[in-house]
Amino acid sequence: MVKKIFIWVGIIQFLIFLFCFIFYHRIDLLGYINVSFVFGAALLLYALAGYVIKGRFFDIVFYSFQHFFSRMSDSERRPLSELVPQRYALPFITGAVTILLMLGSLYFYHLSA
């Protein structure tokens, strides 16, 4: 698991530098802070949305929509929490590490300004 985390953090950091170069045409600290915030927030939002859905929060609403809009029998209906993949720890940790690196860069940027 630790190896996967390091691989994903490395991939995300590479993508951050690539998008920083694409959008800002140079790699500087402010561009890194902006792009890493977007990547980290998107990963955290994805992971937390998966956590909320996996927590059976929307199962009743989803079941009601299935009952009202489809012609499924009761044995064919499955709750939403069973349809969503259960892997949300890796994006959460990667997003948290990205946000922490962004906050460290922001502190360094604040000291240098």
C-alpha atoms as a PDB file:
ATOM      1  CA  MET A   1       0.000   0.000   0.000  1.00  0.00           C
ATOM      2  CA  VAL A   2       2.847   2.407   0.825  1.00  0.00           C
ATOM      3  CA  LYS A   3       4.444   1.745  -2.559  1.00  0.00           C
ATOM      4  CA  LYS A   4       1.159   2.571  -4.320  1.00  0.00           C
ATOM      5  CA  ILE A   5       0.876   5.802  -2.358  1.00  0.00           C
ATOM      6  CA  PHE A   6       4.390   6.886  -3.371  1.00  0.00           C
ATOM      7  CA  ILE A   7       3.678   5.993  -7.004  1.00  0.00           C
ATOM      8  CA  TRP A   8       0.400   7.971  -7.029  1.00  0.00           C
ATOM      9  CA  VAL A   9       1.952  10.964  -5.265  1.00  0.00           C
ATOM     10  CA  GLY A  10       4.770  10.924  -7.828  1.00  0.00           C
ATOM     11  CA  ILE A  11       2.322  10.736 -10.729  1.00  0.00           C
ATOM     12  CA  ILE A  12       0.234  13.577  -9.304  1.00  0.00           C
ATOM     13  CA  GLN A  13       3.341  15.737  -8.756  1.00  0.00           C
ATOM     14  CA  PHE A  14       4.421  15.088 -12.349  1.00  0.00           C
ATOM     15  CA  LEU A  15       0.951  16.077 -13.574  1.00  0.00           C
ATOM     16  CA  ILE A  16       1.051  19.205 -11.425  1.00  0.00           C
ATOM     17  CA  PHE A  17       4.350  20.300 -12.967  1.00  0.00           C
ATOM     18  CA  LEU A  18       3.066  19.432 -16.452  1.00  0.00           C
ATOM     19  CA  PHE A  19      -0.160  21.425 -16.012  1.00  0.00           C
ATOM     20  CA  CYS A  20       1.795  24.263 -14.406  1.00  0.00           C
ATOM     21  CA  PHE A  21       3.982  24.425 -17.505  1.00  0.00           C
ATOM     22  CA  ILE A  22       0.969  24.149 -19.851  1.00  0.00           C
ATOM     23  CA  PHE A  23      -1.136  26.854 -18.163  1.00  0.00           C
ATOM     24  CA  TYR A  24       1.566  29.273 -16.970  1.00  0.00           C
ATOM     25  CA  HIS A  25       4.290  28.552 -19.596  1.00  0.00           C
ATOM     26  CA  ARG A  26       6.837  28.317 -16.783  1.00  0.00           C
ATOM     27  CA  ILE A  27       7.237  26.473 -13.528  1.00  0.00           C
ATOM     28  CA  ASP A  28       7.221  28.799 -10.540  1.00  0.00           C
ATOM     29  CA  LEU A  29       6.085  28.548  -6.941  1.00  0.00           C
ATOM     30  CA  LEU A  30       2.798  30.406  -7.361  1.00  0.00           C
ATOM     31  CA  GLY A  31       1.787  28.293 -10.344  1.00  0.00           C
ATOM     32  CA  TYR A  32       2.661  25.124  -8.410  1.00  0.00           C
ATOM     33  CA  ILE A  33       0.522  26.281  -5.470  1.00  0.00           C
ATOM     34  CA  ASN A  34      -2.475  27.028  -7.696  1.00  0.00           C
ATOM     35  CA  VAL A  35      -2.363  23.794  -9.683  1.00  0.00           C
ATOM     36  CA  SER A  36      -1.619  21.577  -6.683  1.00  0.00           C
ATOM     37  CA  PHE A  37      -4.598  23.039  -4.837  1.00  0.00           C
ATOM     38  CA  VAL A  38      -6.897  22.084  -7.713  1.00  0.00           C
ATOM     39  CA  PHE A  39      -5.489  18.547  -7.934  1.00  0.00           C
ATOM     40  CA  GLY A  40      -5.527  18.011  -4.162  1.00  0.00           C
ATOM     41  CA  ALA A  41      -9.033  19.387  -3.741  1.00  0.00           C
ATOM     42  CA  ALA A  42     -10.354  17.241  -6.609  1.00  0.00           C
ATOM     43  CA  LEU A  43      -8.823  14.083  -5.106  1.00  0.00           C
ATOM     44  CA  LEU A  44     -10.146  14.871  -1.640  1.00  0.00           C
ATOM     45  CA  LEU A  45     -13.597  15.674  -2.998  1.00  0.00           C
ATOM     46  CA  TYR A  46     -13.674  12.401  -4.955  1.00  0.00           C
ATOM     47  CA  ALA A  47     -12.593  10.383  -1.915  1.00  0.00           C
ATOM     48  CA  LEU A  48     -15.005  12.051   0.478  1.00  0.00           C
ATOM     49  CA  ALA A  49     -17.902  11.670  -1.965  1.00  0.00           C
ATOM     50  CA  GLY A  50     -17.107   7.956  -2.186  1.00  0.00           C
ATOM     51  CA  TYR A  51     -16.980   7.752   1.596  1.00  0.00           C
ATOM     52  CA  VAL A  52     -20.394   9.417   1.970  1.00  0.00           C
ATOM     53  CA  ILE A  53     -21.978   7.218  -0.691  1.00  0.00           C
ATOM     54  CA  LYS A  54     -20.389   4.102   0.813  1.00  0.00           C
ATOM     55  CA  GLY A  55     -21.836   5.089   4.182  1.00  0.00           C
ATOM     56  CA  ARG A  56     -25.334   4.226   2.882  1.00  0.00           C
ATOM     57  CA  PHE A  57     -26.461   7.846   3.049  1.00  0.00           C
ATOM     58  CA  PHE A  58     -28.194   7.884  -0.364  1.00  0.00           C
ATOM     59  CA  ASP A  59     -29.468   4.273  -0.439  1.00  0.00           C
ATOM     60  CA  ILE A  60     -33.084   5.135   0.376  1.00  0.00           C
ATOM     61  CA  VAL A  61     -33.325   7.848  -2.273  1.00  0.00           C
ATOM     62  CA  PHE A  62     -31.638   5.604  -4.857  1.00  0.00           C
ATOM     63  CA  TYR A  63     -33.973   2.729  -3.976  1.00  0.00           C
ATOM     64  CA  SER A  64     -36.978   5.034  -4.359  1.00  0.00           C
ATOM     65  CA  PHE A  65     -35.836   6.162  -7.804  1.00  0.00           C
ATOM     66  CA  GLN A  66     -35.297   2.550  -8.854  1.00  0.00           C
ATOM     67  CA  HIS A  67     -38.754   1.622  -7.616  1.00  0.00           C
ATOM     68  CA  PHE A  68     -40.480   4.546  -9.294  1.00  0.00           C
ATOM     69  CA  PHE A  69     -38.645   4.758 -12.646  1.00  0.00           C
ATOM     70  CA  SER A  70     -37.747   1.161 -13.487  1.00  0.00           C
ATOM     71  CA  ARG A  71     -39.529  -2.109 -13.899  1.00  0.00           C
ATOM     72  CA  MET A  72     -37.090  -4.095 -11.778  1.00  0.00           C
ATOM     73  CA  SER A  73     -38.206  -6.690  -9.316  1.00  0.00           C
ATOM     74  CA  ASP A  74     -37.227  -6.322  -5.678  1.00  0.00           C
ATOM     75  CA  SER A  75     -34.609  -9.080  -5.984  1.00  0.00           C
ATOM     76  CA  GLU A  76     -32.808  -7.208  -8.803  1.00  0.00           C
ATOM     77  CA  ARG A  77     -32.526  -3.912  -6.931  1.00  0.00           C
ATOM     78  CA  ARG A  78     -29.221  -3.146  -5.289  1.00  0.00           C
ATOM     79  CA  PRO A  79     -28.456  -0.186  -3.044  1.00  0.00           C
ATOM     80  CA  LEU A  80     -26.160   2.553  -4.304  1.00  0.00           C
ATOM     81  CA  SER A  81     -23.518   1.739  -1.679  1.00  0.00           C
ATOM     82  CA  GLU A  82     -23.016  -1.685  -3.295  1.00  0.00           C
ATOM     83  CA  LEU A  83     -22.623  -0.207  -6.787  1.00  0.00           C
ATOM     84  CA  VAL A  84     -19.870   2.269  -5.855  1.00  0.00           C
ATOM     85  CA  PRO A  85     -16.305   0.919  -5.684  1.00  0.00           C
ATOM     86  CA  GLN A  86     -14.856   0.718  -2.192  1.00  0.00           C
ATOM     87  CA  ARG A  87     -11.412   2.092  -2.985  1.00  0.00           C
ATOM     88  CA  TYR A  88     -11.339   5.644  -1.662  1.00  0.00           C
ATOM     89  CA  ALA A  89      -8.385   5.493   0.744  1.00  0.00           C
ATOM     90  CA  LEU A  90      -5.700   5.907  -1.945  1.00  0.00           C
ATOM     91  CA  PRO A  91      -7.176   9.088  -3.495  1.00  0.00           C
ATOM     92  CA  PHE A  92      -7.764  10.500  -0.004  1.00  0.00           C
ATOM     93  CA  ILE A  93      -4.166   9.965   1.114  1.00  0.00           C
ATOM     94  CA  THR A  94      -2.783  11.232  -2.195  1.00  0.00           C
ATOM     95  CA  GLY A  95      -4.995  14.325  -2.037  1.00  0.00           C
ATOM     96  CA  ALA A  96      -4.034  14.973   1.575  1.00  0.00           C
ATOM     97  CA  VAL A  97      -0.314  14.708   0.767  1.00  0.00           C
ATOM     98  CA  THR A  98      -0.798  17.045  -2.218  1.00  0.00           C
ATOM     99  CA  ILE A  99      -2.626  19.586  -0.060  1.00  0.00           C
ATOM    100  CA  LEU A 100       0.096  19.348   2.608  1.00  0.00           C
ATOM    101  CA  LEU A 101       2.800  19.941  -0.017  1.00  0.00           C
ATOM    102  CA  MET A 102       0.776  22.876  -1.317  1.00  0.00           C
ATOM    103  CA  LEU A 103       0.471  24.341   2.197  1.00  0.00           C
ATOM    104  CA  GLY A 104       4.215  23.950   2.724  1.00  0.00           C
ATOM    105  CA  SER A 105       4.857  25.720  -0.585  1.00  0.00           C
ATOM    106  CA  LEU A 106       2.389  28.430   0.376  1.00  0.00           C
ATOM    107  CA  TYR A 107       4.223  28.993   3.667  1.00  0.00           C
ATOM    108  CA  PHE A 108       7.547  29.164   1.842  1.00  0.00           C
ATOM    109  CA  TYR A 109       6.013  31.603  -0.694  1.00  0.00           C
ATOM    110  CA  HIS A 110       4.685  33.749   2.149  1.00  0.00           C
ATOM    111  CA  LEU A 111       8.127  33.876   3.774  1.00  0.00           C
ATOM    112  CA  SER A 112       9.854  34.837   0.527  1.00  0.00           C
ATOM    113  CA  ALA A 113       7.383  37.579  -0.434  1.00  0.00           C
END
